Amino acid sequence: MKYLFLVHVAPGHNPDNYANAWVEASKIIQQAAGARGTYLHRDLDNPQRLLAIAHWQDKAARDSASSRVDDRVKAIVQAQAEYCRIELIGEFAEPDWQVLPTAPKTQG
């Protein structure tokens, strides 16, 4: 499953600081059972807005990890709270199907 949220970095604050904190917290979070990676993307039109994606084996694994947040992660999040606002987009199940582009066929 994917857990998606937007991070709104306050004007006058550097989004790179949040990105650095994200990396440090992610290193710890990714040690949890069922964690499958995180991604942080910067909005092309608004560099103060970031899209965060956490990939988990399933919702149960994510909920379990969320119920036992490491104190180091809590401290990282708390340090960033003054400079950013987190907006949950949602929790999304893995699709039963995927639409992937196919390579064009070559003639020859």
PDB file of N, CA and C in Angstrom:
ATOM      1  N   MET A   1       0.831  -1.164   0.000  1.00  0.00           N
ATOM      2  CA  MET A   1       0.000   0.000   0.000  1.00  0.00           C
ATOM      3  C   MET A   1       0.879   1.232   0.000  1.00  0.00           C
ATOM      4  N   LYS A   2       0.299   2.304  -0.446  1.00  0.00           N
ATOM      5  CA  LYS A   2       1.019   3.584  -0.480  1.00  0.00           C
ATOM      6  C   LYS A   2       0.322   4.553   0.485  1.00  0.00           C
ATOM      7  N   TYR A   3       1.130   5.291   1.229  1.00  0.00           N
ATOM      8  CA  TYR A   3       0.658   6.316   2.149  1.00  0.00           C
ATOM      9  C   TYR A   3       1.177   7.627   1.579  1.00  0.00           C
ATOM     10  N   LEU A   4       0.275   8.518   1.148  1.00  0.00           N
ATOM     11  CA  LEU A   4       0.672   9.749   0.473  1.00  0.00           C
ATOM     12  C   LEU A   4       0.276  10.972   1.277  1.00  0.00           C
ATOM     13  N   PHE A   5       1.180  11.950   1.301  1.00  0.00           N
ATOM     14  CA  PHE A   5       0.844  13.213   1.926  1.00  0.00           C
ATOM     15  C   PHE A   5       1.643  14.347   1.308  1.00  0.00           C
ATOM     16  N   LEU A   6       1.079  15.545   1.433  1.00  0.00           N
ATOM     17  CA  LEU A   6       1.752  16.752   0.971  1.00  0.00           C
ATOM     18  C   LEU A   6       2.417  17.418   2.162  1.00  0.00           C
ATOM     19  N   VAL A   7       3.584  17.966   1.908  1.00  0.00           N
ATOM     20  CA  VAL A   7       4.308  18.731   2.919  1.00  0.00           C
ATOM     21  C   VAL A   7       4.381  20.158   2.404  1.00  0.00           C
ATOM     22  N   HIS A   8       3.829  21.086   3.173  1.00  0.00           N
ATOM     23  CA  HIS A   8       3.858  22.511   2.822  1.00  0.00           C
ATOM     24  C   HIS A   8       4.902  23.172   3.713  1.00  0.00           C
ATOM     25  N   VAL A   9       6.035  23.545   3.111  1.00  0.00           N
ATOM     26  CA  VAL A   9       7.115  24.187   3.862  1.00  0.00           C
ATOM     27  C   VAL A   9       6.816  25.686   3.930  1.00  0.00           C
ATOM     28  N   ALA A  10       6.903  26.249   5.106  1.00  0.00           N
ATOM     29  CA  ALA A  10       6.574  27.660   5.324  1.00  0.00           C
ATOM     30  C   ALA A  10       7.482  28.562   4.495  1.00  0.00           C
ATOM     31  N   PRO A  11       6.924  29.671   3.998  1.00  0.00           N
ATOM     32  CA  PRO A  11       7.743  30.647   3.264  1.00  0.00           C
ATOM     33  C   PRO A  11       8.939  31.087   4.112  1.00  0.00           C
ATOM     34  N   GLY A  12      10.054  31.244   3.443  1.00  0.00           N
ATOM     35  CA  GLY A  12      11.265  31.663   4.145  1.00  0.00           C
ATOM     36  C   GLY A  12      12.067  30.512   4.722  1.00  0.00           C
ATOM     37  N   HIS A  13      11.525  29.298   4.626  1.00  0.00           N
ATOM     38  CA  HIS A  13      12.241  28.121   5.117  1.00  0.00           C
ATOM     39  C   HIS A  13      12.640  27.255   3.930  1.00  0.00           C
ATOM     40  N   ASN A  14      13.766  26.620   4.048  1.00  0.00           N
ATOM     41  CA  ASN A  14      14.335  25.842   2.959  1.00  0.00           C
ATOM     42  C   ASN A  14      13.773  24.418   2.942  1.00  0.00           C
ATOM     43  N   PRO A  15      13.116  24.012   1.848  1.00  0.00           N
ATOM     44  CA  PRO A  15      12.594  22.645   1.750  1.00  0.00           C
ATOM     45  C   PRO A  15      13.692  21.584   1.858  1.00  0.00           C
ATOM     46  N   ASP A  16      14.927  21.959   1.543  1.00  0.00           N
ATOM     47  CA  ASP A  16      16.029  20.999   1.661  1.00  0.00           C
ATOM     48  C   ASP A  16      16.230  20.572   3.116  1.00  0.00           C
ATOM     49  N   ASN A  17      15.936  21.456   4.055  1.00  0.00           N
ATOM     50  CA  ASN A  17      16.038  21.082   5.462  1.00  0.00           C
ATOM     51  C   ASN A  17      15.036  19.987   5.791  1.00  0.00           C
ATOM     52  N   TYR A  18      13.806  20.125   5.264  1.00  0.00           N
ATOM     53  CA  TYR A  18      12.820  19.078   5.487  1.00  0.00           C
ATOM     54  C   TYR A  18      13.272  17.789   4.804  1.00  0.00           C
ATOM     55  N   ALA A  19      13.803  17.901   3.598  1.00  0.00           N
ATOM     56  CA  ALA A  19      14.254  16.708   2.864  1.00  0.00           C
ATOM     57  C   ALA A  19      15.339  15.975   3.650  1.00  0.00           C
ATOM     58  N   ASN A  20      16.255  16.710   4.247  1.00  0.00           N
ATOM     59  CA  ASN A  20      17.306  16.079   5.052  1.00  0.00           C
ATOM     60  C   ASN A  20      16.708  15.361   6.258  1.00  0.00           C
ATOM     61  N   ALA A  21      15.732  16.001   6.896  1.00  0.00           N
ATOM     62  CA  ALA A  21      15.055  15.377   8.036  1.00  0.00           C
ATOM     63  C   ALA A  21      14.294  14.136   7.585  1.00  0.00           C
ATOM     64  N   TRP A  22      13.667  14.215   6.413  1.00  0.00           N
ATOM     65  CA  TRP A  22      12.930  13.079   5.835  1.00  0.00           C
ATOM     66  C   TRP A  22      13.856  11.876   5.656  1.00  0.00           C
ATOM     67  N   VAL A  23      15.039  12.121   5.135  1.00  0.00           N
ATOM     68  CA  VAL A  23      16.007  11.042   4.926  1.00  0.00           C
ATOM     69  C   VAL A  23      16.374  10.398   6.260  1.00  0.00           C
ATOM     70  N   GLU A  24      16.665  11.217   7.264  1.00  0.00           N
ATOM     71  CA  GLU A  24      17.052  10.673   8.570  1.00  0.00           C
ATOM     72  C   GLU A  24      15.913   9.864   9.195  1.00  0.00           C
ATOM     73  N   ALA A  25      14.698  10.386   9.151  1.00  0.00           N
ATOM     74  CA  ALA A  25      13.554   9.657   9.708  1.00  0.00           C
ATOM     75  C   ALA A  25      13.284   8.388   8.902  1.00  0.00           C
ATOM     76  N   SER A  26      13.403   8.482   7.590  1.00  0.00           N
ATOM     77  CA  SER A  26      13.134   7.321   6.735  1.00  0.00           C
ATOM     78  C   SER A  26      14.110   6.176   6.993  1.00  0.00           C
ATOM     79  N   LYS A  27      15.365   6.503   7.272  1.00  0.00           N
ATOM     80  CA  LYS A  27      16.351   5.462   7.582  1.00  0.00           C
ATOM     81  C   LYS A  27      15.892   4.630   8.780  1.00  0.00           C
ATOM     82  N   ILE A  28      15.290   5.291   9.751  1.00  0.00           N
ATOM     83  CA  ILE A  28      14.810   4.600  10.953  1.00  0.00           C
ATOM     84  C   ILE A  28      13.511   3.854  10.655  1.00  0.00           C
ATOM     85  N   ILE A  29      12.571   4.537  10.014  1.00  0.00           N
ATOM     86  CA  ILE A  29      11.266   3.940   9.721  1.00  0.00           C
ATOM     87  C   ILE A  29      11.403   2.715   8.832  1.00  0.00           C
ATOM     88  N   GLN A  30      12.324   2.743   7.907  1.00  0.00           N
ATOM     89  CA  GLN A  30      12.469   1.635   6.961  1.00  0.00           C
ATOM     90  C   GLN A  30      13.005   0.361   7.604  1.00  0.00           C
ATOM     91  N   GLN A  31      13.363   0.416   8.858  1.00  0.00           N
ATOM     92  CA  GLN A  31      13.771  -0.788   9.579  1.00  0.00           C
ATOM     93  C   GLN A  31      12.565  -1.565  10.096  1.00  0.00           C
ATOM     94  N   ALA A  32      11.380  -0.958  10.023  1.00  0.00           N
ATOM     95  CA  ALA A  32      10.157  -1.611  10.508  1.00  0.00           C
ATOM     96  C   ALA A  32       9.738  -2.733   9.565  1.00  0.00           C
ATOM     97  N   ALA A  33       9.132  -3.769  10.131  1.00  0.00           N
ATOM     98  CA  ALA A  33       8.618  -4.869   9.318  1.00  0.00           C
ATOM     99  C   ALA A  33       7.582  -4.335   8.344  1.00  0.00           C
ATOM    100  N   GLY A  34       7.709  -4.713   7.089  1.00  0.00           N
ATOM    101  CA  GLY A  34       6.741  -4.321   6.069  1.00  0.00           C
ATOM    102  C   GLY A  34       7.043  -3.026   5.353  1.00  0.00           C
ATOM    103  N   ALA A  35       8.063  -2.285   5.797  1.00  0.00           N
ATOM    104  CA  ALA A  35       8.433  -1.035   5.125  1.00  0.00           C
ATOM    105  C   ALA A  35       9.101  -1.368   3.791  1.00  0.00           C
ATOM    106  N   ARG A  36       8.702  -0.668   2.741  1.00  0.00           N
ATOM    107  CA  ARG A  36       9.222  -0.967   1.397  1.00  0.00           C
ATOM    108  C   ARG A  36       9.758   0.255   0.667  1.00  0.00           C
ATOM    109  N   GLY A  37      10.079   1.305   1.370  1.00  0.00           N
ATOM    110  CA  GLY A  37      10.695   2.454   0.714  1.00  0.00           C
ATOM    111  C   GLY A  37       9.880   3.717   0.850  1.00  0.00           C
ATOM    112  N   THR A  38      10.574   4.838   0.691  1.00  0.00           N
ATOM    113  CA  THR A  38       9.935   6.140   0.727  1.00  0.00           C
ATOM    114  C   THR A  38      10.434   6.976  -0.440  1.00  0.00           C
ATOM    115  N   TYR A  39       9.609   7.938  -0.823  1.00  0.00           N
ATOM    116  CA  TYR A  39       9.930   8.830  -1.932  1.00  0.00           C
ATOM    117  C   TYR A  39       9.491  10.231  -1.544  1.00  0.00           C
ATOM    118  N   LEU A  40      10.282  11.218  -1.881  1.00  0.00           N
ATOM    119  CA  LEU A  40       9.930  12.606  -1.620  1.00  0.00           C
ATOM    120  C   LEU A  40      10.165  13.375  -2.919  1.00  0.00           C
ATOM    121  N   HIS A  41       9.130  14.060  -3.383  1.00  0.00           N
ATOM    122  CA  HIS A  41       9.186  14.779  -4.655  1.00  0.00           C
ATOM    123  C   HIS A  41       8.874  16.252  -4.428  1.00  0.00           C
ATOM    124  N   ARG A  42       9.584  17.111  -5.147  1.00  0.00           N
ATOM    125  CA  ARG A  42       9.347  18.551  -5.060  1.00  0.00           C
ATOM    126  C   ARG A  42       8.396  18.954  -6.183  1.00  0.00           C
ATOM    127  N   ASP A  43       7.406  19.770  -5.855  1.00  0.00           N
ATOM    128  CA  ASP A  43       6.461  20.300  -6.837  1.00  0.00           C
ATOM    129  C   ASP A  43       7.233  21.207  -7.805  1.00  0.00           C
ATOM    130  N   LEU A  44       7.092  20.982  -9.106  1.00  0.00           N
ATOM    131  CA  LEU A  44       7.817  21.778 -10.098  1.00  0.00           C
ATOM    132  C   LEU A  44       7.381  23.239 -10.107  1.00  0.00           C
ATOM    133  N   ASP A  45       6.107  23.488  -9.793  1.00  0.00           N
ATOM    134  CA  ASP A  45       5.593  24.848  -9.817  1.00  0.00           C
ATOM    135  C   ASP A  45       5.696  25.560  -8.466  1.00  0.00           C
ATOM    136  N   ASN A  46       5.895  24.796  -7.404  1.00  0.00           N
ATOM    137  CA  ASN A  46       5.969  25.378  -6.065  1.00  0.00           C
ATOM    138  C   ASN A  46       6.975  24.581  -5.240  1.00  0.00           C
ATOM    139  N   PRO A  47       8.233  25.007  -5.218  1.00  0.00           N
ATOM    140  CA  PRO A  47       9.267  24.236  -4.514  1.00  0.00           C
ATOM    141  C   PRO A  47       9.057  24.147  -3.004  1.00  0.00           C
ATOM    142  N   GLN A  48       8.106  24.908  -2.466  1.00  0.00           N
ATOM    143  CA  GLN A  48       7.802  24.831  -1.037  1.00  0.00           C
ATOM    144  C   GLN A  48       6.809  23.701  -0.738  1.00  0.00           C
ATOM    145  N   ARG A  49       6.341  23.035  -1.785  1.00  0.00           N
ATOM    146  CA  ARG A  49       5.378  21.944  -1.615  1.00  0.00           C
ATOM    147  C   ARG A  49       6.025  20.645  -2.083  1.00  0.00           C
ATOM    148  N   LEU A  50       5.964  19.640  -1.214  1.00  0.00           N
ATOM    149  CA  LEU A  50       6.589  18.343  -1.491  1.00  0.00           C
ATOM    150  C   LEU A  50       5.529  17.251  -1.428  1.00  0.00           C
ATOM    151  N   LEU A  51       5.708  16.237  -2.248  1.00  0.00           N
ATOM    152  CA  LEU A  51       4.848  15.058  -2.213  1.00  0.00           C
ATOM    153  C   LEU A  51       5.645  13.934  -1.577  1.00  0.00           C
ATOM    154  N   ALA A  52       5.110  13.372  -0.510  1.00  0.00           N
ATOM    155  CA  ALA A  52       5.775  12.278   0.199  1.00  0.00           C
ATOM    156  C   ALA A  52       4.983  11.002  -0.013  1.00  0.00           C
ATOM    157  N   ILE A  53       5.704   9.937  -0.318  1.00  0.00           N
ATOM    158  CA  ILE A  53       5.083   8.635  -0.546  1.00  0.00           C
ATOM    159  C   ILE A  53       5.842   7.604   0.275  1.00  0.00           C
ATOM    160  N   ALA A  54       5.112   6.881   1.104  1.00  0.00           N
ATOM    161  CA  ALA A  54       5.689   5.773   1.857  1.00  0.00           C
ATOM    162  C   ALA A  54       5.052   4.493   1.345  1.00  0.00           C
ATOM    163  N   HIS A  55       5.872   3.529   0.995  1.00  0.00           N
ATOM    164  CA  HIS A  55       5.396   2.260   0.448  1.00  0.00           C
ATOM    165  C   HIS A  55       5.520   1.201   1.542  1.00  0.00           C
ATOM    166  N   TRP A  56       4.407   0.502   1.784  1.00  0.00           N
ATOM    167  CA  TRP A  56       4.352  -0.523   2.822  1.00  0.00           C
ATOM    168  C   TRP A  56       3.826  -1.827   2.249  1.00  0.00           C
ATOM    169  N   GLN A  57       4.196  -2.921   2.877  1.00  0.00           N
ATOM    170  CA  GLN A  57       3.711  -4.236   2.474  1.00  0.00           C
ATOM    171  C   GLN A  57       2.181  -4.255   2.470  1.00  0.00           C
ATOM    172  N   ASP A  58       1.581  -3.714   3.509  1.00  0.00           N
ATOM    173  CA  ASP A  58       0.126  -3.628   3.610  1.00  0.00           C
ATOM    174  C   ASP A  58      -0.232  -2.631   4.713  1.00  0.00           C
ATOM    175  N   LYS A  59      -1.515  -2.332   4.839  1.00  0.00           N
ATOM    176  CA  LYS A  59      -1.967  -1.354   5.829  1.00  0.00           C
ATOM    177  C   LYS A  59      -1.670  -1.812   7.252  1.00  0.00           C
ATOM    178  N   ALA A  60      -1.788  -3.102   7.514  1.00  0.00           N
ATOM    179  CA  ALA A  60      -1.519  -3.620   8.857  1.00  0.00           C
ATOM    180  C   ALA A  60      -0.070  -3.332   9.268  1.00  0.00           C
ATOM    181  N   ALA A  61       0.864  -3.500   8.358  1.00  0.00           N
ATOM    182  CA  ALA A  61       2.277  -3.230   8.662  1.00  0.00           C
ATOM    183  C   ALA A  61       2.487  -1.744   8.954  1.00  0.00           C
ATOM    184  N   ARG A  62       1.858  -0.892   8.155  1.00  0.00           N
ATOM    185  CA  ARG A  62       1.994   0.544   8.384  1.00  0.00           C
ATOM    186  C   ARG A  62       1.354   0.949   9.706  1.00  0.00           C
ATOM    187  N   ASP A  63       0.174   0.442   9.978  1.00  0.00           N
ATOM    188  CA  ASP A  63      -0.504   0.768  11.238  1.00  0.00           C
ATOM    189  C   ASP A  63       0.298   0.286  12.444  1.00  0.00           C
ATOM    190  N   SER A  64       0.893  -0.886  12.317  1.00  0.00           N
ATOM    191  CA  SER A  64       1.704  -1.426  13.401  1.00  0.00           C
ATOM    192  C   SER A  64       2.915  -0.528  13.667  1.00  0.00           C
ATOM    193  N   ALA A  65       3.595  -0.119  12.595  1.00  0.00           N
ATOM    194  CA  ALA A  65       4.765   0.756  12.744  1.00  0.00           C
ATOM    195  C   ALA A  65       4.349   2.114  13.314  1.00  0.00           C
ATOM    196  N   SER A  66       3.189   2.617  12.898  1.00  0.00           N
ATOM    197  CA  SER A  66       2.716   3.922  13.375  1.00  0.00           C
ATOM    198  C   SER A  66       2.350   3.900  14.847  1.00  0.00           C
ATOM    199  N   SER A  67       1.984   2.733  15.343  1.00  0.00           N
ATOM    200  CA  SER A  67       1.617   2.638  16.755  1.00  0.00           C
ATOM    201  C   SER A  67       2.841   2.572  17.662  1.00  0.00           C
ATOM    202  N   ARG A  68       4.030   2.374  17.075  1.00  0.00           N
ATOM    203  CA  ARG A  68       5.260   2.260  17.853  1.00  0.00           C
ATOM    204  C   ARG A  68       6.351   3.159  17.254  1.00  0.00           C
ATOM    205  N   VAL A  69       6.089   4.451  17.177  1.00  0.00           N
ATOM    206  CA  VAL A  69       7.038   5.371  16.548  1.00  0.00           C
ATOM    207  C   VAL A  69       8.276   5.536  17.433  1.00  0.00           C
ATOM    208  N   ASP A  70       9.417   5.342  16.832  1.00  0.00           N
ATOM    209  CA  ASP A  70      10.708   5.493  17.494  1.00  0.00           C
ATOM    210  C   ASP A  70      10.857   6.931  18.016  1.00  0.00           C
ATOM    211  N   ASP A  71      11.414   7.097  19.201  1.00  0.00           N
ATOM    212  CA  ASP A  71      11.603   8.421  19.791  1.00  0.00           C
ATOM    213  C   ASP A  71      12.460   9.325  18.913  1.00  0.00           C
ATOM    214  N   ARG A  72      13.417   8.744  18.184  1.00  0.00           N
ATOM    215  CA  ARG A  72      14.253   9.547  17.285  1.00  0.00           C
ATOM    216  C   ARG A  72      13.412  10.135  16.162  1.00  0.00           C
ATOM    217  N   VAL A  73      12.464   9.366  15.643  1.00  0.00           N
ATOM    218  CA  VAL A  73      11.572   9.856  14.585  1.00  0.00           C
ATOM    219  C   VAL A  73      10.664  10.944  15.155  1.00  0.00           C
ATOM    220  N   LYS A  74      10.141  10.727  16.353  1.00  0.00           N
ATOM    221  CA  LYS A  74       9.299  11.750  16.993  1.00  0.00           C
ATOM    222  C   LYS A  74      10.055  13.072  17.104  1.00  0.00           C
ATOM    223  N   ALA A  75      11.316  13.004  17.503  1.00  0.00           N
ATOM    224  CA  ALA A  75      12.124  14.225  17.659  1.00  0.00           C
ATOM    225  C   ALA A  75      12.351  14.912  16.315  1.00  0.00           C
ATOM    226  N   ILE A  76      12.597  14.136  15.282  1.00  0.00           N
ATOM    227  CA  ILE A  76      12.801  14.711  13.942  1.00  0.00           C
ATOM    228  C   ILE A  76      11.531  15.401  13.473  1.00  0.00           C
ATOM    229  N   VAL A  77      10.403  14.732  13.627  1.00  0.00           N
ATOM    230  CA  VAL A  77       9.117  15.301  13.204  1.00  0.00           C
ATOM    231  C   VAL A  77       8.811  16.568  13.993  1.00  0.00           C
ATOM    232  N   GLN A  78       9.023  16.520  15.290  1.00  0.00           N
ATOM    233  CA  GLN A  78       8.757  17.682  16.143  1.00  0.00           C
ATOM    234  C   GLN A  78       9.622  18.876  15.742  1.00  0.00           C
ATOM    235  N   ALA A  79      10.880  18.629  15.413  1.00  0.00           N
ATOM    236  CA  ALA A  79      11.779  19.711  15.019  1.00  0.00           C
ATOM    237  C   ALA A  79      11.328  20.376  13.730  1.00  0.00           C
ATOM    238  N   GLN A  80      10.658  19.639  12.843  1.00  0.00           N
ATOM    239  CA  GLN A  80      10.186  20.182  11.571  1.00  0.00           C
ATOM    240  C   GLN A  80       8.791  20.794  11.659  1.00  0.00           C
ATOM    241  N   ALA A  81       8.040  20.451  12.686  1.00  0.00           N
ATOM    242  CA  ALA A  81       6.630  20.852  12.793  1.00  0.00           C
ATOM    243  C   ALA A  81       6.436  22.365  12.734  1.00  0.00           C
ATOM    244  N   GLU A  82       7.363  23.105  13.253  1.00  0.00           N
ATOM    245  CA  GLU A  82       7.247  24.565  13.261  1.00  0.00           C
ATOM    246  C   GLU A  82       7.356  25.153  11.856  1.00  0.00           C
ATOM    247  N   TYR A  83       8.024  24.431  10.944  1.00  0.00           N
ATOM    248  CA  TYR A  83       8.338  24.960   9.625  1.00  0.00           C
ATOM    249  C   TYR A  83       7.507  24.366   8.489  1.00  0.00           C
ATOM    250  N   CYS A  84       6.666  23.386   8.805  1.00  0.00           N
ATOM    251  CA  CYS A  84       5.897  22.768   7.732  1.00  0.00           C
ATOM    252  C   CYS A  84       4.552  22.265   8.228  1.00  0.00           C
ATOM    253  N   ARG A  85       3.646  22.120   7.284  1.00  0.00           N
ATOM    254  CA  ARG A  85       2.318  21.585   7.562  1.00  0.00           C
ATOM    255  C   ARG A  85       2.155  20.333   6.713  1.00  0.00           C
ATOM    256  N   ILE A  86       1.685  19.261   7.336  1.00  0.00           N
ATOM    257  CA  ILE A  86       1.501  17.978   6.650  1.00  0.00           C
ATOM    258  C   ILE A  86       0.022  17.803   6.332  1.00  0.00           C
ATOM    259  N   GLU A  87      -0.273  17.463   5.095  1.00  0.00           N
ATOM    260  CA  GLU A  87      -1.648  17.239   4.638  1.00  0.00           C
ATOM    261  C   GLU A  87      -1.760  15.819   4.086  1.00  0.00           C
ATOM    262  N   LEU A  88      -2.509  14.984   4.764  1.00  0.00           N
ATOM    263  CA  LEU A  88      -2.697  13.608   4.305  1.00  0.00           C
ATOM    264  C   LEU A  88      -3.519  13.599   3.022  1.00  0.00           C
ATOM    265  N   ILE A  89      -3.013  12.928   2.011  1.00  0.00           N
ATOM    266  CA  ILE A  89      -3.772  12.713   0.771  1.00  0.00           C
ATOM    267  C   ILE A  89      -4.595  11.447   0.921  1.00  0.00           C
ATOM    268  N   GLY A  90      -3.951  10.379   1.419  1.00  0.00           N
ATOM    269  CA  GLY A  90      -4.695   9.156   1.646  1.00  0.00           C
ATOM    270  C   GLY A  90      -3.816   7.925   1.671  1.00  0.00           C
ATOM    271  N   GLU A  91      -4.475   6.805   1.931  1.00  0.00           N
ATOM    272  CA  GLU A  91      -3.835   5.492   1.941  1.00  0.00           C
ATOM    273  C   GLU A  91      -4.415   4.713   0.760  1.00  0.00           C
ATOM    274  N   PHE A  92      -3.541   4.198  -0.084  1.00  0.00           N
ATOM    275  CA  PHE A  92      -3.972   3.575  -1.320  1.00  0.00           C
ATOM    276  C   PHE A  92      -3.491   2.134  -1.394  1.00  0.00           C
ATOM    277  N   ALA A  93      -4.419   1.240  -1.741  1.00  0.00           N
ATOM    278  CA  ALA A  93      -4.074  -0.173  -1.923  1.00  0.00           C
ATOM    279  C   ALA A  93      -3.273  -0.327  -3.211  1.00  0.00           C
ATOM    280  N   GLU A  94      -2.489  -1.381  -3.258  1.00  0.00           N
ATOM    281  CA  GLU A  94      -1.793  -1.700  -4.500  1.00  0.00           C
ATOM    282  C   GLU A  94      -2.846  -2.076  -5.538  1.00  0.00           C
ATOM    283  N   PRO A  95      -2.658  -1.686  -6.774  1.00  0.00           N
ATOM    284  CA  PRO A  95      -3.663  -1.986  -7.789  1.00  0.00           C
ATOM    285  C   PRO A  95      -3.682  -3.478  -8.135  1.00  0.00           C
ATOM    286  N   ASP A  96      -4.851  -3.932  -8.542  1.00  0.00           N
ATOM    287  CA  ASP A  96      -4.973  -5.298  -9.047  1.00  0.00           C
ATOM    288  C   ASP A  96      -4.394  -5.394 -10.450  1.00  0.00           C
ATOM    289  N   TRP A  97      -4.147  -4.249 -11.049  1.00  0.00           N
ATOM    290  CA  TRP A  97      -3.612  -4.185 -12.402  1.00  0.00           C
ATOM    291  C   TRP A  97      -2.701  -2.971 -12.496  1.00  0.00           C
ATOM    292  N   GLN A  98      -1.872  -2.962 -13.481  1.00  0.00           N
ATOM    293  CA  GLN A  98      -1.010  -1.815 -13.742  1.00  0.00           C
ATOM    294  C   GLN A  98      -1.069  -1.507 -15.222  1.00  0.00           C
ATOM    295  N   VAL A  99      -1.035  -0.249 -15.541  1.00  0.00           N
ATOM    296  CA  VAL A  99      -0.975   0.182 -16.931  1.00  0.00           C
ATOM    297  C   VAL A  99       0.438   0.695 -17.157  1.00  0.00           C
ATOM    298  N   LEU A 100       1.185  -0.047 -17.927  1.00  0.00           N
ATOM    299  CA  LEU A 100       2.565   0.319 -18.224  1.00  0.00           C
ATOM    300  C   LEU A 100       2.710   0.491 -19.732  1.00  0.00           C
ATOM    301  N   PRO A 101       3.410   1.509 -20.161  1.00  0.00           N
ATOM    302  CA  PRO A 101       3.602   1.677 -21.598  1.00  0.00           C
ATOM    303  C   PRO A 101       4.459   0.550 -22.148  1.00  0.00           C
ATOM    304  N   THR A 102       4.174   0.184 -23.362  1.00  0.00           N
ATOM    305  CA  THR A 102       4.985  -0.845 -24.010  1.00  0.00           C
ATOM    306  C   THR A 102       5.938  -0.157 -24.981  1.00  0.00           C
ATOM    307  N   ALA A 103       7.051  -0.779 -25.188  1.00  0.00           N
ATOM    308  CA  ALA A 103       8.036  -0.238 -26.114  1.00  0.00           C
ATOM    309  C   ALA A 103       7.495  -0.384 -27.541  1.00  0.00           C
ATOM    310  N   PRO A 104       7.743   0.620 -28.374  1.00  0.00           N
ATOM    311  CA  PRO A 104       7.281   0.506 -29.765  1.00  0.00           C
ATOM    312  C   PRO A 104       7.982  -0.653 -30.463  1.00  0.00           C
ATOM    313  N   LYS A 105       7.238  -1.324 -31.309  1.00  0.00           N
ATOM    314  CA  LYS A 105       7.815  -2.428 -32.061  1.00  0.00           C
ATOM    315  C   LYS A 105       8.703  -1.887 -33.168  1.00  0.00           C
ATOM    316  N   THR A 106       9.840  -2.528 -33.345  1.00  0.00           N
ATOM    317  CA  THR A 106      10.735  -2.096 -34.422  1.00  0.00           C
ATOM    318  C   THR A 106      10.505  -2.983 -35.630  1.00  0.00           C
ATOM    319  N   GLN A 107      10.612  -2.372 -36.781  1.00  0.00           N
ATOM    320  CA  GLN A 107      10.459  -3.135 -38.016  1.00  0.00           C
ATOM    321  C   GLN A 107      11.839  -3.588 -38.462  1.00  0.00           C
ATOM    322  N   GLY A 108      11.853  -4.723 -39.058  1.00  0.00           N
ATOM    323  CA  GLY A 108      13.165  -5.110 -39.535  1.00  0.00           C
ATOM    324  C   GLY A 108      13.289  -6.485 -39.907  1.00  0.00           C
TER     325      GLY A 108
END
